[in-house]
Amino acid sequence: MPHGTHLSSNQHGDRPAAQDAAVRPPFSSQHCEVQVPKIVDHQKRRARVAEVVWRMVGEQGLDAVTMLSVARGSGLSAGTIQHYFANKSELVRLAMSQTFERTDTRLEGIANTSPAIDAVREMAYAILPMDDERRNDVSAWLGFVGRLGADPALLEMYQAYYARARERWCAVLREGVTDGSVRPDIDIAAEADVLVGLTDGLAMQAVMEGLPVERVEQAFEAYLSTLREEPTVSIPVP
């Protein structure tokens, strides 16, 4: 056989070309599809879990929080929850941290209200349980407080939040003295302590005792009036 002679498939004894084409599957783009890995926003997922924990603590108490209950509530697997959080304490810390961050953000938008005495009112009302979201904040906060003694990291977060709270109250009171809406003779640090205690106390009474919003407002407005003018002392006449 001369070199360079090309044999057909039939000469090789193979299948006919037409038959060979028939058994080959037609080209499909499906065979070239590339599987793109799913992009997971881990920060968003953690925030979602934190919100579930926040709502659970506020509505059902801290005992309701377990790895399994949080997984169910967030629509994730228990394995996914354990991937992000080693234990219940880490879940609670994140939820408490985000509760405080949400309050901080709410207050930052109010601090520049003028006159400053109005900022004092609006800051207090941003903390007090005037609506469902803030009521759940207070309920969750009460749940978190019960765990402070057993979790030093949680206690540190709590103390840092209240240090920021006092600084905010001091700043707005100083501004009030400057713009004339707050009496100049007040002890700013002492009044900041009063504001922390008053807002916490009213918040607890509203959530735990069912003190109506109107009564909460009346109590705070009575305090606010003492910042505006020299308190008068009534001396009974015999």
C-alpha atoms as a PDB file:
ATOM      1  CA  MET A   1       0.000   0.000   0.000  1.00  0.00           C
ATOM      2  CA  PRO A   2       1.491   3.294  -1.035  1.00  0.00           C
ATOM      3  CA  HIS A   3       2.446   5.643   1.747  1.00  0.00           C
ATOM      4  CA  GLY A   4       0.341   8.756   1.944  1.00  0.00           C
ATOM      5  CA  THR A   5      -2.854   6.996   0.839  1.00  0.00           C
ATOM      6  CA  HIS A   6      -5.741   8.041   3.157  1.00  0.00           C
ATOM      7  CA  LEU A   7      -8.158   5.331   4.087  1.00  0.00           C
ATOM      8  CA  SER A   8     -11.805   5.979   4.747  1.00  0.00           C
ATOM      9  CA  SER A   9     -13.384   4.643   7.894  1.00  0.00           C
ATOM     10  CA  ASN A  10     -14.981   1.909   5.792  1.00  0.00           C
ATOM     11  CA  GLN A  11     -11.638   0.759   4.555  1.00  0.00           C
ATOM     12  CA  HIS A  12     -10.525   0.429   8.148  1.00  0.00           C
ATOM     13  CA  GLY A  13     -13.568  -1.667   8.833  1.00  0.00           C
ATOM     14  CA  ASP A  14     -14.991   0.963  11.181  1.00  0.00           C
ATOM     15  CA  ARG A  15     -18.584   2.252  11.388  1.00  0.00           C
ATOM     16  CA  PRO A  16     -19.798   4.285   8.455  1.00  0.00           C
ATOM     17  CA  ALA A  17     -19.325   8.024   8.912  1.00  0.00           C
ATOM     18  CA  ALA A  18     -23.072   8.642   8.952  1.00  0.00           C
ATOM     19  CA  GLN A  19     -23.581   6.014  11.649  1.00  0.00           C
ATOM     20  CA  ASP A  20     -20.701   7.468  13.668  1.00  0.00           C
ATOM     21  CA  ALA A  21     -22.306  10.911  13.538  1.00  0.00           C
ATOM     22  CA  ALA A  22     -25.622   9.418  14.619  1.00  0.00           C
ATOM     23  CA  VAL A  23     -24.275   7.880  17.815  1.00  0.00           C
ATOM     24  CA  ARG A  24     -22.375  11.051  18.854  1.00  0.00           C
ATOM     25  CA  PRO A  25     -24.589  13.251  21.021  1.00  0.00           C
ATOM     26  CA  PRO A  26     -25.217  16.672  19.553  1.00  0.00           C
ATOM     27  CA  PHE A  27     -23.233  19.561  21.047  1.00  0.00           C
ATOM     28  CA  SER A  28     -25.017  21.171  23.957  1.00  0.00           C
ATOM     29  CA  SER A  29     -24.099  24.309  25.863  1.00  0.00           C
ATOM     30  CA  GLN A  30     -25.103  22.425  29.000  1.00  0.00           C
ATOM     31  CA  HIS A  31     -21.883  20.445  28.751  1.00  0.00           C
ATOM     32  CA  CYS A  32     -19.927  23.710  29.039  1.00  0.00           C
ATOM     33  CA  GLU A  33     -21.778  25.247  31.999  1.00  0.00           C
ATOM     34  CA  VAL A  34     -19.486  26.436  34.752  1.00  0.00           C
ATOM     35  CA  GLN A  35     -20.734  26.140  38.310  1.00  0.00           C
ATOM     36  CA  VAL A  36     -20.291  29.566  39.933  1.00  0.00           C
ATOM     37  CA  PRO A  37     -19.785  29.254  43.673  1.00  0.00           C
ATOM     38  CA  LYS A  38     -22.493  30.915  45.750  1.00  0.00           C
ATOM     39  CA  ILE A  39     -21.299  34.144  47.349  1.00  0.00           C
ATOM     40  CA  VAL A  40     -22.250  34.340  51.024  1.00  0.00           C
ATOM     41  CA  ASP A  41     -22.383  37.676  52.807  1.00  0.00           C
ATOM     42  CA  HIS A  42     -21.089  36.537  56.185  1.00  0.00           C
ATOM     43  CA  GLN A  43     -21.613  39.901  57.856  1.00  0.00           C
ATOM     44  CA  LYS A  44     -25.232  40.001  56.739  1.00  0.00           C
ATOM     45  CA  ARG A  45     -25.757  36.434  57.914  1.00  0.00           C
ATOM     46  CA  ARG A  46     -24.326  37.205  61.359  1.00  0.00           C
ATOM     47  CA  ALA A  47     -26.534  40.297  61.606  1.00  0.00           C
ATOM     48  CA  ARG A  48     -29.560  38.156  60.760  1.00  0.00           C
ATOM     49  CA  VAL A  49     -28.691  35.694  63.497  1.00  0.00           C
ATOM     50  CA  ALA A  50     -28.145  38.536  65.978  1.00  0.00           C
ATOM     51  CA  GLU A  51     -31.599  39.919  65.208  1.00  0.00           C
ATOM     52  CA  VAL A  52     -33.173  36.499  65.808  1.00  0.00           C
ATOM     53  CA  VAL A  53     -31.424  36.238  69.184  1.00  0.00           C
ATOM     54  CA  TRP A  54     -32.434  39.828  70.076  1.00  0.00           C
ATOM     55  CA  ARG A  55     -36.085  39.083  69.294  1.00  0.00           C
ATOM     56  CA  MET A  56     -36.026  35.758  71.141  1.00  0.00           C
ATOM     57  CA  VAL A  57     -34.532  37.254  74.299  1.00  0.00           C
ATOM     58  CA  GLY A  58     -36.997  40.142  74.191  1.00  0.00           C
ATOM     59  CA  GLU A  59     -40.075  38.000  73.604  1.00  0.00           C
ATOM     60  CA  GLN A  60     -39.269  34.683  75.324  1.00  0.00           C
ATOM     61  CA  GLY A  61     -36.323  35.315  77.615  1.00  0.00           C
ATOM     62  CA  LEU A  62     -32.710  34.207  77.550  1.00  0.00           C
ATOM     63  CA  ASP A  63     -33.529  30.545  78.247  1.00  0.00           C
ATOM     64  CA  ALA A  64     -35.220  30.298  74.839  1.00  0.00           C
ATOM     65  CA  VAL A  65     -31.892  30.841  73.083  1.00  0.00           C
ATOM     66  CA  THR A  66     -30.207  27.612  71.980  1.00  0.00           C
ATOM     67  CA  MET A  67     -28.150  26.766  68.903  1.00  0.00           C
ATOM     68  CA  LEU A  68     -31.099  24.780  67.510  1.00  0.00           C
ATOM     69  CA  SER A  69     -33.781  27.405  68.221  1.00  0.00           C
ATOM     70  CA  VAL A  70     -31.648  30.133  66.659  1.00  0.00           C
ATOM     71  CA  ALA A  71     -30.993  27.951  63.610  1.00  0.00           C
ATOM     72  CA  ARG A  72     -34.719  27.413  63.153  1.00  0.00           C
ATOM     73  CA  GLY A  73     -35.527  31.066  63.690  1.00  0.00           C
ATOM     74  CA  SER A  74     -32.937  32.266  61.182  1.00  0.00           C
ATOM     75  CA  GLY A  75     -33.631  29.615  58.544  1.00  0.00           C
ATOM     76  CA  LEU A  76     -30.100  28.224  58.763  1.00  0.00           C
ATOM     77  CA  SER A  77     -28.772  24.817  59.703  1.00  0.00           C
ATOM     78  CA  ALA A  78     -27.448  24.138  63.196  1.00  0.00           C
ATOM     79  CA  GLY A  79     -24.081  23.413  61.575  1.00  0.00           C
ATOM     80  CA  THR A  80     -24.018  26.861  59.994  1.00  0.00           C
ATOM     81  CA  ILE A  81     -24.777  28.498  63.349  1.00  0.00           C
ATOM     82  CA  GLN A  82     -21.941  26.526  64.953  1.00  0.00           C
ATOM     83  CA  HIS A  83     -19.628  27.614  62.147  1.00  0.00           C
ATOM     84  CA  TYR A  84     -20.120  31.247  63.192  1.00  0.00           C
ATOM     85  CA  PHE A  85     -20.631  30.861  66.940  1.00  0.00           C
ATOM     86  CA  ALA A  86     -18.868  28.441  69.261  1.00  0.00           C
ATOM     87  CA  ASN A  87     -21.544  28.597  71.961  1.00  0.00           C
ATOM     88  CA  LYS A  88     -24.586  30.424  73.323  1.00  0.00           C
ATOM     89  CA  SER A  89     -22.441  33.082  74.998  1.00  0.00           C
ATOM     90  CA  GLU A  90     -21.092  34.226  71.629  1.00  0.00           C
ATOM     91  CA  LEU A  91     -24.635  34.441  70.255  1.00  0.00           C
ATOM     92  CA  VAL A  92     -25.748  36.577  73.193  1.00  0.00           C
ATOM     93  CA  ARG A  93     -22.700  38.853  72.987  1.00  0.00           C
ATOM     94  CA  LEU A  94     -23.325  39.621  69.321  1.00  0.00           C
ATOM     95  CA  ALA A  95     -27.026  40.292  69.927  1.00  0.00           C
ATOM     96  CA  MET A  96     -26.274  42.607  72.868  1.00  0.00           C
ATOM     97  CA  SER A  97     -23.565  44.398  70.902  1.00  0.00           C
ATOM     98  CA  GLN A  98     -25.906  45.060  67.995  1.00  0.00           C
ATOM     99  CA  THR A  99     -28.669  46.225  70.351  1.00  0.00           C
ATOM    100  CA  PHE A 100     -26.289  48.813  71.790  1.00  0.00           C
ATOM    101  CA  GLU A 101     -25.037  49.796  68.328  1.00  0.00           C
ATOM    102  CA  ARG A 102     -28.614  50.333  67.150  1.00  0.00           C
ATOM    103  CA  THR A 103     -29.291  52.586  70.151  1.00  0.00           C
ATOM    104  CA  ASP A 104     -26.025  54.471  69.589  1.00  0.00           C
ATOM    105  CA  THR A 105     -26.967  55.087  65.941  1.00  0.00           C
ATOM    106  CA  ARG A 106     -30.437  56.262  66.932  1.00  0.00           C
ATOM    107  CA  LEU A 107     -28.963  58.738  69.424  1.00  0.00           C
ATOM    108  CA  GLU A 108     -26.242  60.052  67.111  1.00  0.00           C
ATOM    109  CA  GLY A 109     -28.898  61.412  64.775  1.00  0.00           C
ATOM    110  CA  ILE A 110     -30.477  63.403  67.608  1.00  0.00           C
ATOM    111  CA  ALA A 111     -27.496  64.882  69.438  1.00  0.00           C
ATOM    112  CA  ASN A 112     -27.352  68.016  67.265  1.00  0.00           C
ATOM    113  CA  THR A 113     -31.009  68.947  67.795  1.00  0.00           C
ATOM    114  CA  SER A 114     -31.395  72.586  68.799  1.00  0.00           C
ATOM    115  CA  PRO A 115     -32.077  73.875  71.393  1.00  0.00           C
ATOM    116  CA  ALA A 116     -30.216  71.284  73.436  1.00  0.00           C
ATOM    117  CA  ILE A 117     -33.054  70.842  75.931  1.00  0.00           C
ATOM    118  CA  ASP A 118     -35.099  69.377  73.051  1.00  0.00           C
ATOM    119  CA  ALA A 119     -32.212  67.018  72.286  1.00  0.00           C
ATOM    120  CA  VAL A 120     -32.351  65.815  75.913  1.00  0.00           C
ATOM    121  CA  ARG A 121     -36.022  64.934  75.447  1.00  0.00           C
ATOM    122  CA  GLU A 122     -35.561  63.245  72.075  1.00  0.00           C
ATOM    123  CA  MET A 123     -32.568  61.235  73.292  1.00  0.00           C
ATOM    124  CA  ALA A 124     -34.569  59.955  76.243  1.00  0.00           C
ATOM    125  CA  TYR A 125     -37.525  59.050  74.031  1.00  0.00           C
ATOM    126  CA  ALA A 126     -35.171  57.186  71.679  1.00  0.00           C
ATOM    127  CA  ILE A 127     -34.248  54.935  74.623  1.00  0.00           C
ATOM    128  CA  LEU A 128     -37.598  54.626  76.395  1.00  0.00           C
ATOM    129  CA  PRO A 129     -40.020  51.921  75.135  1.00  0.00           C
ATOM    130  CA  MET A 130     -42.344  54.163  73.141  1.00  0.00           C
ATOM    131  CA  ASP A 131     -42.942  51.609  70.362  1.00  0.00           C
ATOM    132  CA  ASP A 132     -42.604  47.860  69.752  1.00  0.00           C
ATOM    133  CA  GLU A 133     -38.987  47.985  68.589  1.00  0.00           C
ATOM    134  CA  ARG A 134     -37.787  49.975  71.582  1.00  0.00           C
ATOM    135  CA  ARG A 135     -39.909  47.859  73.918  1.00  0.00           C
ATOM    136  CA  ASN A 136     -38.174  44.752  72.605  1.00  0.00           C
ATOM    137  CA  ASP A 137     -34.819  46.530  73.033  1.00  0.00           C
ATOM    138  CA  VAL A 138     -35.601  47.082  76.705  1.00  0.00           C
ATOM    139  CA  SER A 139     -36.906  43.529  77.189  1.00  0.00           C
ATOM    140  CA  ALA A 140     -33.786  42.088  75.539  1.00  0.00           C
ATOM    141  CA  TRP A 141     -31.579  44.425  77.601  1.00  0.00           C
ATOM    142  CA  LEU A 142     -33.197  43.096  80.788  1.00  0.00           C
ATOM    143  CA  GLY A 143     -32.478  39.548  79.613  1.00  0.00           C
ATOM    144  CA  PHE A 144     -28.853  40.399  78.873  1.00  0.00           C
ATOM    145  CA  VAL A 145     -28.418  42.055  82.284  1.00  0.00           C
ATOM    146  CA  GLY A 146     -29.268  38.759  83.983  1.00  0.00           C
ATOM    147  CA  ARG A 147     -26.214  37.171  82.354  1.00  0.00           C
ATOM    148  CA  LEU A 148     -23.650  39.856  83.227  1.00  0.00           C
ATOM    149  CA  GLY A 149     -22.365  38.112  86.345  1.00  0.00           C
ATOM    150  CA  ALA A 150     -21.558  34.941  84.418  1.00  0.00           C
ATOM    151  CA  ASP A 151     -19.951  36.542  81.365  1.00  0.00           C
ATOM    152  CA  PRO A 152     -17.110  39.047  81.894  1.00  0.00           C
ATOM    153  CA  ALA A 153     -17.039  39.938  78.184  1.00  0.00           C
ATOM    154  CA  LEU A 154     -20.727  40.839  78.307  1.00  0.00           C
ATOM    155  CA  LEU A 155     -20.153  42.936  81.423  1.00  0.00           C
ATOM    156  CA  GLU A 156     -17.345  44.819  79.677  1.00  0.00           C
ATOM    157  CA  MET A 157     -19.639  45.633  76.739  1.00  0.00           C
ATOM    158  CA  TYR A 158     -22.341  46.781  79.129  1.00  0.00           C
ATOM    159  CA  GLN A 159     -19.972  49.086  81.006  1.00  0.00           C
ATOM    160  CA  ALA A 160     -18.605  50.539  77.759  1.00  0.00           C
ATOM    161  CA  TYR A 161     -22.136  51.319  76.570  1.00  0.00           C
ATOM    162  CA  TYR A 162     -22.995  53.162  79.785  1.00  0.00           C
ATOM    163  CA  ALA A 163     -19.720  55.099  79.648  1.00  0.00           C
ATOM    164  CA  ARG A 164     -20.762  56.302  76.169  1.00  0.00           C
ATOM    165  CA  ALA A 165     -24.247  57.103  77.476  1.00  0.00           C
ATOM    166  CA  ARG A 166     -22.871  59.336  80.232  1.00  0.00           C
ATOM    167  CA  GLU A 167     -20.579  61.104  77.774  1.00  0.00           C
ATOM    168  CA  ARG A 168     -23.548  61.790  75.483  1.00  0.00           C
ATOM    169  CA  TRP A 169     -25.665  63.197  78.307  1.00  0.00           C
ATOM    170  CA  CYS A 170     -22.788  65.389  79.500  1.00  0.00           C
ATOM    171  CA  ALA A 171     -22.211  66.724  75.996  1.00  0.00           C
ATOM    172  CA  VAL A 172     -25.834  67.660  75.378  1.00  0.00           C
ATOM    173  CA  LEU A 173     -26.197  69.236  78.834  1.00  0.00           C
ATOM    174  CA  ARG A 174     -23.079  71.340  78.248  1.00  0.00           C
ATOM    175  CA  GLU A 175     -24.557  72.462  74.949  1.00  0.00           C
ATOM    176  CA  GLY A 176     -27.774  73.340  76.753  1.00  0.00           C
ATOM    177  CA  VAL A 177     -25.908  75.536  79.208  1.00  0.00           C
ATOM    178  CA  THR A 178     -24.155  77.211  76.260  1.00  0.00           C
ATOM    179  CA  ASP A 179     -27.336  77.906  74.260  1.00  0.00           C
ATOM    180  CA  GLY A 180     -29.269  78.958  77.351  1.00  0.00           C
ATOM    181  CA  SER A 181     -31.891  76.196  77.250  1.00  0.00           C
ATOM    182  CA  VAL A 182     -30.496  74.525  80.398  1.00  0.00           C
ATOM    183  CA  ARG A 183     -29.861  76.243  83.732  1.00  0.00           C
ATOM    184  CA  PRO A 184     -26.198  77.260  84.097  1.00  0.00           C
ATOM    185  CA  ASP A 185     -25.916  76.191  87.738  1.00  0.00           C
ATOM    186  CA  ILE A 186     -26.445  72.455  87.248  1.00  0.00           C
ATOM    187  CA  ASP A 187     -23.837  69.807  88.055  1.00  0.00           C
ATOM    188  CA  ILE A 188     -23.482  68.308  84.594  1.00  0.00           C
ATOM    189  CA  ALA A 189     -21.901  64.985  85.650  1.00  0.00           C
ATOM    190  CA  ALA A 190     -24.511  64.485  88.380  1.00  0.00           C
ATOM    191  CA  GLU A 191     -27.387  65.253  86.002  1.00  0.00           C
ATOM    192  CA  ALA A 192     -25.937  62.796  83.482  1.00  0.00           C
ATOM    193  CA  ASP A 193     -26.076  60.114  86.184  1.00  0.00           C
ATOM    194  CA  VAL A 194     -29.674  61.102  86.944  1.00  0.00           C
ATOM    195  CA  LEU A 195     -30.603  60.816  83.271  1.00  0.00           C
ATOM    196  CA  VAL A 196     -29.073  57.338  83.016  1.00  0.00           C
ATOM    197  CA  GLY A 197     -30.905  56.183  86.141  1.00  0.00           C
ATOM    198  CA  LEU A 198     -34.189  57.867  85.204  1.00  0.00           C
ATOM    199  CA  THR A 199     -34.359  56.478  81.677  1.00  0.00           C
ATOM    200  CA  ASP A 200     -33.404  52.977  82.850  1.00  0.00           C
ATOM    201  CA  GLY A 201     -35.923  53.085  85.691  1.00  0.00           C
ATOM    202  CA  LEU A 202     -38.789  54.333  83.537  1.00  0.00           C
ATOM    203  CA  ALA A 203     -37.943  51.782  80.850  1.00  0.00           C
ATOM    204  CA  MET A 204     -38.053  48.938  83.373  1.00  0.00           C
ATOM    205  CA  GLN A 205     -41.362  50.143  84.826  1.00  0.00           C
ATOM    206  CA  ALA A 206     -42.889  50.410  81.367  1.00  0.00           C
ATOM    207  CA  VAL A 207     -41.888  46.876  80.373  1.00  0.00           C
ATOM    208  CA  MET A 208     -42.148  45.024  83.689  1.00  0.00           C
ATOM    209  CA  GLU A 209     -45.025  46.890  85.334  1.00  0.00           C
ATOM    210  CA  GLY A 210     -46.911  48.046  82.265  1.00  0.00           C
ATOM    211  CA  LEU A 211     -46.518  51.752  83.015  1.00  0.00           C
ATOM    212  CA  PRO A 212     -48.384  53.508  80.169  1.00  0.00           C
ATOM    213  CA  VAL A 213     -46.439  55.617  77.685  1.00  0.00           C
ATOM    214  CA  GLU A 214     -48.347  58.716  78.819  1.00  0.00           C
ATOM    215  CA  ARG A 215     -47.135  58.215  82.390  1.00  0.00           C
ATOM    216  CA  VAL A 216     -43.581  57.686  81.187  1.00  0.00           C
ATOM    217  CA  GLU A 217     -43.756  60.954  79.255  1.00  0.00           C
ATOM    218  CA  GLN A 218     -45.257  62.825  82.221  1.00  0.00           C
ATOM    219  CA  ALA A 219     -42.516  61.605  84.548  1.00  0.00           C
ATOM    220  CA  PHE A 220     -39.764  62.587  82.154  1.00  0.00           C
ATOM    221  CA  GLU A 221     -41.285  65.988  81.391  1.00  0.00           C
ATOM    222  CA  ALA A 222     -41.462  66.684  85.131  1.00  0.00           C
ATOM    223  CA  TYR A 223     -37.738  66.026  85.395  1.00  0.00           C
ATOM    224  CA  LEU A 224     -37.003  68.056  82.263  1.00  0.00           C
ATOM    225  CA  SER A 225     -38.677  71.109  83.783  1.00  0.00           C
ATOM    226  CA  THR A 226     -36.076  71.099  86.562  1.00  0.00           C
ATOM    227  CA  LEU A 227     -33.331  71.620  83.979  1.00  0.00           C
ATOM    228  CA  ARG A 228     -35.020  74.701  82.578  1.00  0.00           C
ATOM    229  CA  GLU A 229     -35.599  76.782  85.660  1.00  0.00           C
ATOM    230  CA  GLU A 230     -34.570  77.104  89.252  1.00  0.00           C
ATOM    231  CA  PRO A 231     -36.655  74.612  91.251  1.00  0.00           C
ATOM    232  CA  THR A 232     -38.849  76.256  93.851  1.00  0.00           C
ATOM    233  CA  VAL A 233     -39.236  74.906  97.342  1.00  0.00           C
ATOM    234  CA  SER A 234     -42.673  75.298  98.858  1.00  0.00           C
ATOM    235  CA  ILE A 235     -42.559  76.138 102.538  1.00  0.00           C
ATOM    236  CA  PRO A 236     -45.840  75.363 104.259  1.00  0.00           C
ATOM    237  CA  VAL A 237     -47.329  78.289 106.107  1.00  0.00           C
ATOM    238  CA  PRO A 238     -48.357  77.363 109.674  1.00  0.00           C
END
